[in-house]
Amino acid sequence: MLKQLIALSLVVFLGSHFFGHSIMNALAEETEAPAIEKYYTSIEIQKGDSLWSIAATYLENSGMTTAQYVKELKNMNGLKEDTIHSGQYLTVMYFAADTDGGGR
């Protein structure tokens, strides 16, 4: 009985060591997704632009809905209404992967 218990313990130990090592190697080989950073830029409003079309262009990777992005655009630019005019400038935010890997 003692020999069987020792043999079973050895099998469990070796199996967990092998599979644990394999899992850790697999995890170590995974590349971490780059962090998404928020950036700001100024754009000139073109004829036909709306806050909604601008939001659709810049909200990628933001995690926001179009309505949330429009609300944020209005807050950032001090707009009370949705009306904008060509020739005006707006500050917009966009989201992109951190390319230097070091954060800000």
N, C-alpha and C. Protein backbone atom coordinates (compact mmCIF):
# COMPACT_ATOMS: atom_id res chain seq x y z
N MET A 1 0.83 -1.20 0.00
CA MET A 1 0.00 0.00 0.00
C MET A 1 0.87 1.26 0.00
N LEU A 2 1.93 1.26 0.80
CA LEU A 2 2.82 2.42 0.87
C LEU A 2 3.53 2.64 -0.46
N LYS A 3 3.92 1.53 -1.12
CA LYS A 3 4.58 1.64 -2.43
C LYS A 3 3.63 2.25 -3.45
N GLN A 4 2.37 1.84 -3.40
CA GLN A 4 1.39 2.39 -4.35
C GLN A 4 1.17 3.88 -4.10
N LEU A 5 1.10 4.28 -2.85
CA LEU A 5 0.91 5.69 -2.50
C LEU A 5 2.12 6.52 -2.95
N ILE A 6 3.30 6.00 -2.76
CA ILE A 6 4.51 6.69 -3.20
C ILE A 6 4.55 6.78 -4.73
N ALA A 7 4.20 5.70 -5.40
CA ALA A 7 4.18 5.69 -6.86
C ALA A 7 3.15 6.68 -7.39
N LEU A 8 1.97 6.70 -6.77
CA LEU A 8 0.92 7.62 -7.19
C LEU A 8 1.36 9.07 -6.95
N SER A 9 1.97 9.34 -5.82
CA SER A 9 2.46 10.68 -5.52
C SER A 9 3.51 11.11 -6.53
N LEU A 10 4.39 10.19 -6.91
CA LEU A 10 5.43 10.49 -7.90
C LEU A 10 4.81 10.81 -9.26
N VAL A 11 3.82 10.04 -9.65
CA VAL A 11 3.13 10.28 -10.94
C VAL A 11 2.44 11.64 -10.92
N VAL A 12 1.75 11.95 -9.83
CA VAL A 12 1.07 13.24 -9.72
C VAL A 12 2.08 14.38 -9.75
N PHE A 13 3.17 14.24 -9.02
CA PHE A 13 4.20 15.27 -8.98
C PHE A 13 4.80 15.50 -10.37
N LEU A 14 5.20 14.42 -11.04
CA LEU A 14 5.80 14.55 -12.36
C LEU A 14 4.81 15.12 -13.37
N GLY A 15 3.57 14.65 -13.30
CA GLY A 15 2.55 15.15 -14.22
C GLY A 15 2.28 16.63 -14.02
N SER A 16 2.14 17.05 -12.76
CA SER A 16 1.88 18.47 -12.50
C SER A 16 3.09 19.32 -12.87
N HIS A 17 4.28 18.79 -12.65
CA HIS A 17 5.49 19.53 -13.03
C HIS A 17 5.55 19.71 -14.54
N PHE A 18 5.30 18.62 -15.27
CA PHE A 18 5.36 18.68 -16.73
C PHE A 18 4.29 19.62 -17.29
N PHE A 19 3.04 19.44 -16.87
CA PHE A 19 1.96 20.26 -17.40
C PHE A 19 2.05 21.70 -16.91
N GLY A 20 2.45 21.89 -15.67
CA GLY A 20 2.63 23.25 -15.16
C GLY A 20 3.72 23.98 -15.90
N HIS A 21 4.81 23.29 -16.18
CA HIS A 21 5.92 23.88 -16.92
C HIS A 21 5.47 24.23 -18.35
N SER A 22 4.72 23.33 -18.97
CA SER A 22 4.23 23.58 -20.34
C SER A 22 3.30 24.79 -20.38
N ILE A 23 2.43 24.91 -19.40
CA ILE A 23 1.51 26.04 -19.35
C ILE A 23 2.28 27.34 -19.13
N MET A 24 3.24 27.32 -18.25
CA MET A 24 4.03 28.53 -17.98
C MET A 24 4.81 28.95 -19.22
N ASN A 25 5.36 28.00 -19.96
CA ASN A 25 6.07 28.34 -21.19
C ASN A 25 5.12 28.94 -22.22
N ALA A 26 3.93 28.38 -22.32
CA ALA A 26 2.95 28.90 -23.27
C ALA A 26 2.55 30.32 -22.89
N LEU A 27 2.35 30.56 -21.62
CA LEU A 27 1.99 31.91 -21.17
C LEU A 27 3.14 32.88 -21.38
N ALA A 28 4.34 32.45 -21.18
CA ALA A 28 5.50 33.32 -21.35
C ALA A 28 5.69 33.72 -22.81
N GLU A 29 5.26 32.88 -23.72
CA GLU A 29 5.43 33.18 -25.14
C GLU A 29 4.36 34.13 -25.68
N GLU A 30 3.26 34.29 -24.94
CA GLU A 30 2.22 35.21 -25.38
C GLU A 30 2.75 36.63 -25.33
N THR A 31 2.44 37.38 -26.37
CA THR A 31 2.85 38.78 -26.37
C THR A 31 1.72 39.60 -25.77
N GLU A 32 2.08 40.50 -24.92
CA GLU A 32 1.10 41.36 -24.26
C GLU A 32 0.62 42.40 -25.26
N ALA A 33 -0.69 42.62 -25.29
CA ALA A 33 -1.25 43.63 -26.19
C ALA A 33 -0.76 45.01 -25.73
N PRO A 34 -0.39 45.85 -26.69
CA PRO A 34 0.08 47.18 -26.31
C PRO A 34 -1.05 47.96 -25.62
N ALA A 35 -0.67 48.79 -24.67
CA ALA A 35 -1.65 49.62 -23.97
C ALA A 35 -2.22 50.66 -24.91
N ILE A 36 -3.51 50.91 -24.78
CA ILE A 36 -4.16 51.94 -25.58
C ILE A 36 -4.06 53.25 -24.81
N GLU A 37 -3.53 54.26 -25.46
CA GLU A 37 -3.35 55.58 -24.86
C GLU A 37 -4.30 56.58 -25.50
N LYS A 38 -4.66 57.61 -24.75
CA LYS A 38 -5.52 58.68 -25.26
C LYS A 38 -4.64 59.84 -25.70
N TYR A 39 -4.89 60.34 -26.90
CA TYR A 39 -4.16 61.48 -27.45
C TYR A 39 -5.16 62.54 -27.87
N TYR A 40 -4.67 63.77 -27.99
CA TYR A 40 -5.52 64.88 -28.42
C TYR A 40 -4.90 65.54 -29.63
N THR A 41 -5.77 66.03 -30.50
CA THR A 41 -5.31 66.80 -31.65
C THR A 41 -6.40 67.81 -32.00
N SER A 42 -6.03 68.77 -32.81
CA SER A 42 -6.98 69.78 -33.26
C SER A 42 -7.28 69.52 -34.74
N ILE A 43 -8.55 69.59 -35.08
CA ILE A 43 -8.93 69.39 -36.48
C ILE A 43 -9.75 70.58 -36.96
N GLU A 44 -9.68 70.86 -38.25
CA GLU A 44 -10.52 71.89 -38.85
C GLU A 44 -11.78 71.20 -39.38
N ILE A 45 -12.91 71.75 -39.01
CA ILE A 45 -14.19 71.18 -39.45
C ILE A 45 -14.38 71.48 -40.93
N GLN A 46 -14.71 70.43 -41.66
CA GLN A 46 -14.93 70.54 -43.10
C GLN A 46 -16.43 70.61 -43.39
N LYS A 47 -16.78 71.11 -44.56
CA LYS A 47 -18.19 71.17 -44.96
C LYS A 47 -18.77 69.75 -44.93
N GLY A 48 -19.93 69.61 -44.30
CA GLY A 48 -20.59 68.31 -44.20
C GLY A 48 -20.25 67.55 -42.93
N ASP A 49 -19.25 68.01 -42.17
CA ASP A 49 -18.91 67.36 -40.91
C ASP A 49 -19.99 67.61 -39.87
N SER A 50 -20.15 66.66 -38.98
CA SER A 50 -21.02 66.82 -37.82
C SER A 50 -20.28 66.21 -36.63
N LEU A 51 -20.74 66.52 -35.44
CA LEU A 51 -20.12 65.91 -34.27
C LEU A 51 -20.21 64.39 -34.34
N TRP A 52 -21.31 63.92 -34.90
CA TRP A 52 -21.52 62.47 -34.99
C TRP A 52 -20.58 61.83 -36.00
N SER A 53 -20.31 62.49 -37.13
CA SER A 53 -19.38 61.91 -38.11
C SER A 53 -17.94 61.99 -37.60
N ILE A 54 -17.62 63.05 -36.88
CA ILE A 54 -16.29 63.17 -36.29
C ILE A 54 -16.12 62.09 -35.22
N ALA A 55 -17.13 61.89 -34.41
CA ALA A 55 -17.08 60.84 -33.38
C ALA A 55 -16.86 59.48 -34.02
N ALA A 56 -17.56 59.20 -35.09
CA ALA A 56 -17.42 57.90 -35.76
C ALA A 56 -15.99 57.70 -36.27
N THR A 57 -15.34 58.79 -36.66
CA THR A 57 -13.97 58.71 -37.16
C THR A 57 -12.95 58.46 -36.05
N TYR A 58 -13.13 59.08 -34.90
CA TYR A 58 -12.11 59.08 -33.86
C TYR A 58 -12.36 58.18 -32.65
N LEU A 59 -13.53 57.56 -32.53
CA LEU A 59 -13.82 56.82 -31.30
C LEU A 59 -13.26 55.40 -31.25
N GLU A 60 -12.66 54.93 -32.31
CA GLU A 60 -12.10 53.58 -32.32
C GLU A 60 -11.15 53.37 -31.14
N ASN A 61 -11.28 52.24 -30.48
CA ASN A 61 -10.49 51.83 -29.32
C ASN A 61 -10.78 52.64 -28.05
N SER A 62 -11.82 53.49 -28.08
CA SER A 62 -12.12 54.33 -26.92
C SER A 62 -12.95 53.60 -25.88
N GLY A 63 -13.70 52.61 -26.31
CA GLY A 63 -14.63 51.94 -25.40
C GLY A 63 -15.90 52.74 -25.20
N MET A 64 -16.07 53.82 -25.95
CA MET A 64 -17.26 54.67 -25.83
C MET A 64 -18.22 54.40 -26.97
N THR A 65 -19.48 54.70 -26.71
CA THR A 65 -20.46 54.71 -27.80
C THR A 65 -20.30 56.04 -28.54
N THR A 66 -20.92 56.15 -29.69
CA THR A 66 -20.86 57.40 -30.45
C THR A 66 -21.48 58.53 -29.63
N ALA A 67 -22.60 58.26 -28.96
CA ALA A 67 -23.27 59.29 -28.15
C ALA A 67 -22.35 59.76 -27.01
N GLN A 68 -21.66 58.84 -26.36
CA GLN A 68 -20.74 59.22 -25.28
C GLN A 68 -19.59 60.06 -25.81
N TYR A 69 -19.08 59.69 -26.99
CA TYR A 69 -17.97 60.44 -27.56
C TYR A 69 -18.42 61.85 -27.93
N VAL A 70 -19.62 61.98 -28.52
CA VAL A 70 -20.15 63.30 -28.88
C VAL A 70 -20.29 64.16 -27.61
N LYS A 71 -20.81 63.58 -26.55
CA LYS A 71 -20.96 64.31 -25.29
C LYS A 71 -19.60 64.80 -24.80
N GLU A 72 -18.59 63.94 -24.87
CA GLU A 72 -17.24 64.32 -24.45
C GLU A 72 -16.67 65.41 -25.35
N LEU A 73 -16.90 65.31 -26.66
CA LEU A 73 -16.45 66.36 -27.60
C LEU A 73 -17.05 67.71 -27.22
N LYS A 74 -18.35 67.70 -26.94
CA LYS A 74 -19.02 68.95 -26.57
C LYS A 74 -18.44 69.51 -25.27
N ASN A 75 -18.20 68.66 -24.28
CA ASN A 75 -17.62 69.11 -23.02
C ASN A 75 -16.22 69.68 -23.22
N MET A 76 -15.38 68.98 -23.98
CA MET A 76 -13.99 69.41 -24.20
C MET A 76 -13.92 70.75 -24.92
N ASN A 77 -14.86 70.98 -25.83
CA ASN A 77 -14.81 72.17 -26.66
C ASN A 77 -15.78 73.27 -26.21
N GLY A 78 -16.45 73.07 -25.09
CA GLY A 78 -17.36 74.10 -24.56
C GLY A 78 -18.57 74.33 -25.43
N LEU A 79 -19.04 73.30 -26.12
CA LEU A 79 -20.20 73.44 -27.00
C LEU A 79 -21.48 73.14 -26.23
N LYS A 80 -22.47 73.99 -26.40
CA LYS A 80 -23.77 73.78 -25.76
C LYS A 80 -24.71 72.99 -26.67
N GLU A 81 -24.50 73.11 -27.97
CA GLU A 81 -25.36 72.45 -28.95
C GLU A 81 -24.53 71.57 -29.87
N ASP A 82 -25.21 70.81 -30.73
CA ASP A 82 -24.53 69.93 -31.68
C ASP A 82 -24.08 70.66 -32.94
N THR A 83 -24.42 71.93 -33.08
CA THR A 83 -24.14 72.67 -34.31
C THR A 83 -22.67 73.06 -34.37
N ILE A 84 -22.03 72.71 -35.49
CA ILE A 84 -20.65 73.14 -35.76
C ILE A 84 -20.61 73.69 -37.19
N HIS A 85 -19.60 74.47 -37.50
CA HIS A 85 -19.51 75.11 -38.81
C HIS A 85 -18.14 74.86 -39.43
N SER A 86 -18.13 74.70 -40.75
CA SER A 86 -16.85 74.49 -41.42
C SER A 86 -15.95 75.69 -41.17
N GLY A 87 -14.66 75.40 -41.03
CA GLY A 87 -13.68 76.43 -40.74
C GLY A 87 -13.36 76.54 -39.25
N GLN A 88 -14.27 76.08 -38.40
CA GLN A 88 -13.99 76.06 -36.96
C GLN A 88 -12.97 74.97 -36.67
N TYR A 89 -12.33 75.08 -35.52
CA TYR A 89 -11.41 74.04 -35.07
C TYR A 89 -11.98 73.38 -33.82
N LEU A 90 -11.80 72.08 -33.73
CA LEU A 90 -12.22 71.31 -32.57
C LEU A 90 -11.04 70.52 -32.05
N THR A 91 -10.97 70.40 -30.74
CA THR A 91 -10.04 69.46 -30.14
C THR A 91 -10.74 68.12 -30.07
N VAL A 92 -10.10 67.09 -30.59
CA VAL A 92 -10.66 65.74 -30.55
C VAL A 92 -9.66 64.83 -29.86
N MET A 93 -10.18 63.77 -29.34
CA MET A 93 -9.30 62.76 -28.74
C MET A 93 -9.36 61.53 -29.62
N TYR A 94 -8.24 60.84 -29.66
CA TYR A 94 -8.20 59.57 -30.38
C TYR A 94 -7.38 58.60 -29.55
N PHE A 95 -7.52 57.34 -29.86
CA PHE A 95 -6.94 56.28 -29.04
C PHE A 95 -6.08 55.40 -29.91
N ALA A 96 -4.84 55.19 -29.47
CA ALA A 96 -3.90 54.38 -30.25
C ALA A 96 -3.01 53.60 -29.30
N ALA A 97 -2.43 52.55 -29.83
CA ALA A 97 -1.52 51.72 -29.05
C ALA A 97 -0.29 52.51 -28.67
N ASP A 98 0.16 52.32 -27.45
CA ASP A 98 1.40 52.93 -26.96
C ASP A 98 2.56 52.24 -27.69
N THR A 99 3.24 52.98 -28.56
CA THR A 99 4.28 52.36 -29.39
C THR A 99 5.63 52.24 -28.70
N ASP A 100 5.87 53.04 -27.66
CA ASP A 100 7.17 52.94 -27.01
C ASP A 100 7.17 51.95 -25.85
N GLY A 101 5.99 51.48 -25.45
CA GLY A 101 5.90 50.47 -24.41
C GLY A 101 6.16 50.99 -23.02
N GLY A 102 6.47 52.26 -22.88
CA GLY A 102 6.82 52.77 -21.56
C GLY A 102 5.74 53.61 -20.92
N GLY A 103 4.59 53.65 -21.53
CA GLY A 103 3.53 54.51 -20.97
C GLY A 103 3.80 55.96 -21.29
N ARG A 104 3.26 56.83 -20.46
CA ARG A 104 3.41 58.27 -20.75
C ARG A 104 4.69 58.81 -20.27
